[in-house]
N, C-alpha and C. Protein backbone atom coordinates (compact mmCIF):
# COMPACT_ATOMS: atom_id res chain seq x y z
N MET A 1 0.84 -1.17 0.00
CA MET A 1 0.00 0.00 0.00
C MET A 1 0.90 1.24 0.00
N SER A 2 0.66 2.10 -0.93
CA SER A 2 1.48 3.30 -1.03
C SER A 2 1.03 4.35 -0.04
N LYS A 3 1.93 5.30 0.21
CA LYS A 3 1.65 6.36 1.16
C LYS A 3 0.52 7.28 0.67
N ASP A 4 0.38 7.45 -0.63
CA ASP A 4 -0.67 8.33 -1.17
C ASP A 4 -2.06 7.75 -0.92
N SER A 5 -2.23 6.45 -1.05
CA SER A 5 -3.56 5.86 -0.84
C SER A 5 -3.91 5.80 0.64
N ALA A 6 -2.89 5.73 1.52
CA ALA A 6 -3.16 5.67 2.95
C ALA A 6 -3.60 7.02 3.49
N ASN A 7 -3.14 8.10 2.90
CA ASN A 7 -3.48 9.44 3.36
C ASN A 7 -4.44 10.15 2.41
N LYS A 8 -5.36 9.41 1.86
CA LYS A 8 -6.32 9.98 0.93
C LYS A 8 -7.20 11.00 1.65
N GLN A 9 -7.42 12.12 1.01
CA GLN A 9 -8.20 13.19 1.62
C GLN A 9 -9.52 13.34 0.87
N VAL A 10 -10.61 13.41 1.64
CA VAL A 10 -11.94 13.58 1.07
C VAL A 10 -12.47 14.92 1.54
N ARG A 11 -12.95 15.72 0.60
CA ARG A 11 -13.50 17.04 0.94
C ARG A 11 -15.00 17.01 0.74
N LEU A 12 -15.71 17.34 1.82
CA LEU A 12 -17.17 17.36 1.78
C LEU A 12 -17.66 18.74 2.18
N ARG A 13 -18.91 18.99 1.88
CA ARG A 13 -19.52 20.27 2.21
C ARG A 13 -20.74 20.01 3.08
N LEU A 14 -20.77 20.61 4.28
CA LEU A 14 -21.91 20.50 5.18
C LEU A 14 -22.89 21.62 4.83
N VAL A 15 -24.07 21.24 4.35
CA VAL A 15 -25.03 22.24 3.89
C VAL A 15 -26.35 22.18 4.65
N HIS A 16 -26.55 21.16 5.51
CA HIS A 16 -27.83 21.05 6.22
C HIS A 16 -27.63 20.31 7.53
N ILE A 17 -28.28 20.82 8.58
CA ILE A 17 -28.34 20.14 9.87
C ILE A 17 -29.80 19.84 10.14
N ASP A 18 -30.13 18.58 10.40
CA ASP A 18 -31.51 18.20 10.65
C ASP A 18 -32.01 18.86 11.94
N PHE A 19 -33.17 19.51 11.84
CA PHE A 19 -33.72 20.27 12.96
C PHE A 19 -34.00 19.38 14.17
N TRP A 20 -34.68 18.25 13.96
CA TRP A 20 -35.05 17.40 15.10
C TRP A 20 -33.83 16.72 15.70
N SER A 21 -32.85 16.40 14.91
CA SER A 21 -31.63 15.81 15.43
C SER A 21 -30.88 16.81 16.31
N ALA A 22 -30.78 18.05 15.84
CA ALA A 22 -30.13 19.09 16.64
C ALA A 22 -30.91 19.37 17.92
N THR A 23 -32.24 19.35 17.83
CA THR A 23 -33.07 19.59 19.01
C THR A 23 -32.89 18.48 20.04
N LYS A 24 -32.90 17.23 19.60
CA LYS A 24 -32.72 16.12 20.53
C LYS A 24 -31.33 16.14 21.17
N ASN A 25 -30.31 16.41 20.35
CA ASN A 25 -28.96 16.46 20.90
C ASN A 25 -28.77 17.60 21.87
N SER A 26 -29.33 18.77 21.56
CA SER A 26 -29.20 19.90 22.48
C SER A 26 -29.98 19.65 23.76
N PHE A 27 -31.11 18.92 23.68
CA PHE A 27 -31.85 18.56 24.89
C PHE A 27 -31.01 17.66 25.79
N ILE A 28 -30.36 16.66 25.21
CA ILE A 28 -29.53 15.73 26.00
C ILE A 28 -28.35 16.47 26.63
N VAL A 29 -27.72 17.36 25.88
CA VAL A 29 -26.60 18.13 26.44
C VAL A 29 -27.08 19.05 27.56
N ALA A 30 -28.21 19.72 27.35
CA ALA A 30 -28.75 20.62 28.38
C ALA A 30 -29.16 19.83 29.62
N LEU A 31 -29.72 18.65 29.44
CA LEU A 31 -30.10 17.81 30.58
C LEU A 31 -28.87 17.38 31.37
N THR A 32 -27.81 16.99 30.67
CA THR A 32 -26.58 16.58 31.33
C THR A 32 -25.95 17.73 32.11
N VAL A 33 -25.87 18.90 31.48
CA VAL A 33 -25.31 20.08 32.16
C VAL A 33 -26.16 20.45 33.36
N SER A 34 -27.48 20.33 33.25
CA SER A 34 -28.38 20.66 34.35
C SER A 34 -28.17 19.72 35.54
N LEU A 35 -28.01 18.44 35.25
CA LEU A 35 -27.78 17.50 36.34
C LEU A 35 -26.44 17.74 37.03
N VAL A 36 -25.43 18.08 36.26
CA VAL A 36 -24.12 18.40 36.86
C VAL A 36 -24.24 19.64 37.73
N LEU A 37 -24.94 20.67 37.26
CA LEU A 37 -25.12 21.89 38.05
C LEU A 37 -25.96 21.63 39.30
N ALA A 38 -26.93 20.74 39.21
CA ALA A 38 -27.74 20.41 40.38
C ALA A 38 -26.89 19.74 41.46
N VAL A 39 -26.05 18.80 41.05
CA VAL A 39 -25.16 18.14 42.01
C VAL A 39 -24.20 19.17 42.61
N PHE A 40 -23.71 20.10 41.77
CA PHE A 40 -22.82 21.14 42.28
C PHE A 40 -23.54 22.05 43.28
N ASN A 41 -24.77 22.44 42.98
CA ASN A 41 -25.52 23.30 43.91
C ASN A 41 -25.72 22.62 45.26
N ILE A 42 -26.14 21.38 45.24
CA ILE A 42 -26.38 20.66 46.50
C ILE A 42 -25.07 20.43 47.25
N GLY A 43 -24.02 20.09 46.52
CA GLY A 43 -22.72 19.91 47.16
C GLY A 43 -22.18 21.20 47.76
N ALA A 44 -22.34 22.32 47.05
CA ALA A 44 -21.88 23.60 47.59
C ALA A 44 -22.68 23.99 48.82
N TRP A 45 -24.00 23.76 48.79
CA TRP A 45 -24.83 24.06 49.96
C TRP A 45 -24.40 23.21 51.15
N LEU A 46 -24.18 21.92 50.91
CA LEU A 46 -23.75 21.03 51.98
C LEU A 46 -22.40 21.46 52.55
N LEU A 47 -21.47 21.81 51.69
CA LEU A 47 -20.15 22.24 52.15
C LEU A 47 -20.22 23.54 52.95
N LEU A 48 -20.98 24.53 52.45
CA LEU A 48 -21.11 25.80 53.16
C LEU A 48 -21.83 25.64 54.49
N THR A 49 -22.79 24.74 54.55
CA THR A 49 -23.52 24.50 55.80
C THR A 49 -22.64 23.78 56.82
N VAL A 50 -21.94 22.76 56.39
CA VAL A 50 -21.09 21.99 57.31
C VAL A 50 -19.94 22.86 57.85
N LEU A 51 -19.37 23.70 56.99
CA LEU A 51 -18.27 24.55 57.42
C LEU A 51 -18.74 25.75 58.24
N GLY A 52 -20.04 26.03 58.25
CA GLY A 52 -20.58 27.13 59.04
C GLY A 52 -20.40 28.50 58.40
N VAL A 53 -20.19 28.53 57.12
CA VAL A 53 -19.98 29.80 56.42
C VAL A 53 -21.24 30.65 56.45
N VAL A 54 -22.40 30.02 56.29
CA VAL A 54 -23.67 30.77 56.29
C VAL A 54 -23.90 31.42 57.65
N ASP A 55 -23.68 30.69 58.72
CA ASP A 55 -23.87 31.25 60.06
C ASP A 55 -22.87 32.37 60.34
N THR A 56 -21.65 32.22 59.89
CA THR A 56 -20.64 33.26 60.07
C THR A 56 -21.02 34.53 59.32
N LEU A 57 -21.43 34.39 58.06
CA LEU A 57 -21.87 35.56 57.29
C LEU A 57 -23.11 36.20 57.90
N ASN A 58 -24.01 35.38 58.42
CA ASN A 58 -25.19 35.91 59.08
C ASN A 58 -24.81 36.72 60.32
N GLY A 59 -23.82 36.25 61.08
CA GLY A 59 -23.35 36.99 62.24
C GLY A 59 -22.68 38.30 61.85
N ILE A 60 -21.92 38.31 60.77
CA ILE A 60 -21.26 39.53 60.31
C ILE A 60 -22.30 40.55 59.86
N VAL A 61 -23.31 40.12 59.11
CA VAL A 61 -24.36 41.04 58.66
C VAL A 61 -25.15 41.57 59.84
N SER A 62 -25.43 40.71 60.83
CA SER A 62 -26.16 41.14 62.03
C SER A 62 -25.37 42.18 62.82
N SER A 63 -24.05 42.01 62.92
CA SER A 63 -23.24 42.97 63.66
C SER A 63 -23.12 44.30 62.90
N ILE A 64 -23.17 44.25 61.57
CA ILE A 64 -23.08 45.49 60.79
C ILE A 64 -24.36 46.30 60.89
N ILE A 65 -25.51 45.63 60.73
CA ILE A 65 -26.76 46.39 60.74
C ILE A 65 -27.32 46.58 62.15
N GLY A 66 -26.81 45.89 63.14
CA GLY A 66 -27.17 46.12 64.53
C GLY A 66 -28.41 45.41 65.01
N ILE A 67 -29.05 44.60 64.20
CA ILE A 67 -30.21 43.84 64.65
C ILE A 67 -29.98 42.36 64.32
N ASP A 68 -30.78 41.50 64.93
CA ASP A 68 -30.66 40.06 64.67
C ASP A 68 -31.24 39.77 63.29
N PHE A 69 -30.36 39.55 62.33
CA PHE A 69 -30.74 39.36 60.93
C PHE A 69 -30.66 37.88 60.59
N MET A 70 -31.81 37.27 60.32
CA MET A 70 -31.83 35.84 60.00
C MET A 70 -32.15 35.60 58.52
N GLY A 71 -32.09 36.64 57.69
CA GLY A 71 -32.46 36.52 56.29
C GLY A 71 -31.55 35.59 55.51
N LEU A 72 -30.26 35.64 55.78
CA LEU A 72 -29.32 34.80 55.04
C LEU A 72 -29.50 33.34 55.40
N THR A 73 -29.78 33.06 56.65
CA THR A 73 -30.02 31.67 57.06
C THR A 73 -31.30 31.14 56.40
N ASP A 74 -32.33 31.98 56.34
CA ASP A 74 -33.57 31.56 55.67
C ASP A 74 -33.36 31.39 54.17
N LEU A 75 -32.56 32.28 53.58
CA LEU A 75 -32.29 32.22 52.15
C LEU A 75 -31.48 30.98 51.78
N MET A 76 -30.61 30.56 52.66
CA MET A 76 -29.74 29.42 52.38
C MET A 76 -30.24 28.13 53.02
N SER A 77 -31.55 28.05 53.33
CA SER A 77 -32.10 26.80 53.86
C SER A 77 -32.18 25.77 52.73
N PHE A 78 -32.29 24.50 53.12
CA PHE A 78 -32.30 23.44 52.11
C PHE A 78 -33.49 23.53 51.16
N PRO A 79 -34.71 23.81 51.64
CA PRO A 79 -35.82 23.95 50.68
C PRO A 79 -35.61 25.11 49.69
N SER A 80 -35.05 26.22 50.14
CA SER A 80 -34.80 27.34 49.24
C SER A 80 -33.76 26.97 48.18
N VAL A 81 -32.73 26.27 48.58
CA VAL A 81 -31.70 25.85 47.64
C VAL A 81 -32.27 24.84 46.65
N MET A 82 -33.15 23.94 47.10
CA MET A 82 -33.75 22.96 46.20
C MET A 82 -34.70 23.63 45.20
N ILE A 83 -35.47 24.63 45.64
CA ILE A 83 -36.35 25.36 44.73
C ILE A 83 -35.51 26.08 43.67
N PHE A 84 -34.43 26.73 44.10
CA PHE A 84 -33.54 27.40 43.15
C PHE A 84 -32.94 26.40 42.17
N THR A 85 -32.55 25.23 42.65
CA THR A 85 -31.95 24.22 41.80
C THR A 85 -32.94 23.70 40.76
N VAL A 86 -34.20 23.45 41.18
CA VAL A 86 -35.21 22.97 40.24
C VAL A 86 -35.51 24.03 39.18
N VAL A 87 -35.63 25.29 39.60
CA VAL A 87 -35.87 26.37 38.64
C VAL A 87 -34.69 26.49 37.67
N GLN A 88 -33.48 26.34 38.17
CA GLN A 88 -32.29 26.40 37.33
C GLN A 88 -32.27 25.24 36.33
N ILE A 89 -32.66 24.05 36.76
CA ILE A 89 -32.69 22.89 35.86
C ILE A 89 -33.69 23.12 34.74
N ILE A 90 -34.89 23.57 35.09
CA ILE A 90 -35.93 23.79 34.08
C ILE A 90 -35.51 24.86 33.09
N ALA A 91 -34.99 25.98 33.60
CA ALA A 91 -34.56 27.07 32.72
C ALA A 91 -33.42 26.64 31.81
N ASN A 92 -32.48 25.88 32.35
CA ASN A 92 -31.34 25.43 31.55
C ASN A 92 -31.77 24.47 30.45
N ILE A 93 -32.66 23.55 30.77
CA ILE A 93 -33.12 22.60 29.76
C ILE A 93 -33.90 23.31 28.66
N VAL A 94 -34.81 24.20 29.04
CA VAL A 94 -35.61 24.90 28.04
C VAL A 94 -34.73 25.80 27.17
N CYS A 95 -33.89 26.61 27.80
CA CYS A 95 -33.05 27.54 27.04
C CYS A 95 -32.02 26.79 26.18
N GLY A 96 -31.42 25.74 26.70
CA GLY A 96 -30.44 24.98 25.93
C GLY A 96 -31.05 24.30 24.73
N THR A 97 -32.24 23.74 24.90
CA THR A 97 -32.91 23.08 23.79
C THR A 97 -33.32 24.09 22.72
N VAL A 98 -33.87 25.20 23.15
CA VAL A 98 -34.29 26.24 22.20
C VAL A 98 -33.09 26.80 21.45
N LEU A 99 -32.00 27.06 22.15
CA LEU A 99 -30.81 27.59 21.48
C LEU A 99 -30.22 26.60 20.47
N GLY A 100 -30.24 25.32 20.79
CA GLY A 100 -29.77 24.31 19.84
C GLY A 100 -30.64 24.25 18.60
N ALA A 101 -31.95 24.31 18.80
CA ALA A 101 -32.87 24.28 17.66
C ALA A 101 -32.73 25.53 16.80
N LEU A 102 -32.66 26.69 17.45
CA LEU A 102 -32.48 27.94 16.70
C LEU A 102 -31.13 27.98 16.00
N GLY A 103 -30.12 27.40 16.62
CA GLY A 103 -28.80 27.34 15.97
C GLY A 103 -28.83 26.52 14.70
N SER A 104 -29.56 25.40 14.72
CA SER A 104 -29.66 24.59 13.49
C SER A 104 -30.43 25.33 12.41
N LEU A 105 -31.49 26.04 12.80
CA LEU A 105 -32.24 26.82 11.82
C LEU A 105 -31.38 27.94 11.23
N ALA A 106 -30.62 28.60 12.09
CA ALA A 106 -29.75 29.68 11.62
C ALA A 106 -28.67 29.14 10.69
N PHE A 107 -28.08 27.99 11.05
CA PHE A 107 -27.06 27.40 10.18
C PHE A 107 -27.65 27.03 8.83
N ASN A 108 -28.83 26.42 8.83
CA ASN A 108 -29.45 26.02 7.57
C ASN A 108 -29.76 27.23 6.70
N PHE A 109 -30.21 28.31 7.30
CA PHE A 109 -30.50 29.53 6.55
C PHE A 109 -29.21 30.12 5.96
N ILE A 110 -28.18 30.21 6.78
CA ILE A 110 -26.91 30.79 6.32
C ILE A 110 -26.25 29.88 5.28
N ALA A 111 -26.34 28.55 5.48
CA ALA A 111 -25.73 27.62 4.51
C ALA A 111 -26.43 27.69 3.16
N ARG A 112 -27.72 28.00 3.17
CA ARG A 112 -28.44 28.14 1.90
C ARG A 112 -27.91 29.34 1.12
N ILE A 113 -27.50 30.38 1.84
CA ILE A 113 -26.98 31.59 1.19
C ILE A 113 -25.51 31.41 0.78
N THR A 114 -24.70 30.87 1.70
CA THR A 114 -23.25 30.81 1.47
C THR A 114 -22.78 29.51 0.82
N GLY A 115 -23.60 28.49 0.86
CA GLY A 115 -23.18 27.22 0.27
C GLY A 115 -22.66 26.22 1.28
N GLY A 116 -22.67 26.54 2.54
CA GLY A 116 -22.27 25.59 3.57
C GLY A 116 -20.82 25.73 4.00
N ILE A 117 -20.38 24.75 4.76
CA ILE A 117 -19.02 24.72 5.28
C ILE A 117 -18.28 23.57 4.61
N ARG A 118 -17.09 23.85 4.13
CA ARG A 118 -16.28 22.83 3.47
C ARG A 118 -15.44 22.12 4.54
N ILE A 119 -15.51 20.80 4.56
CA ILE A 119 -14.82 19.98 5.56
C ILE A 119 -13.93 18.98 4.84
N ALA A 120 -12.70 18.80 5.31
CA ALA A 120 -11.79 17.82 4.72
C ALA A 120 -11.54 16.70 5.73
N PHE A 121 -11.67 15.48 5.27
CA PHE A 121 -11.40 14.30 6.09
C PHE A 121 -10.21 13.56 5.50
N THR A 122 -9.38 13.01 6.38
CA THR A 122 -8.24 12.20 5.91
C THR A 122 -8.36 10.80 6.47
N ASN A 123 -7.80 9.86 5.78
CA ASN A 123 -7.78 8.48 6.20
C ASN A 123 -6.41 8.20 6.79
N ASP A 124 -6.35 8.04 8.11
CA ASP A 124 -5.05 7.82 8.76
C ASP A 124 -4.68 6.38 8.75
């Protein structure tokens, strides 16, 4: 086998991205990112609670304003953090899926005008 046939190069042009394929893929990516962020949110809350950072900050704010301020402790309670996490998951999934779908539509529109993207593949 000669070196020329082993390194044969094929040039293709990408002119269309399937809308439903892009939507499904962007949904899966958004879902994965959302689950990672949810685990991070819960882990950060657990770490800050165990280390006592929330109580320390609450004491600093109370000493600055001169009254017993429990707002930060209420804000950083587990139910509040879980509500924030669920809202973040829903928003991330919806926005990520919509952006992926709109990106495929935008690419298809632009590729119709410009002729697409030229891609070269080699056989190693």
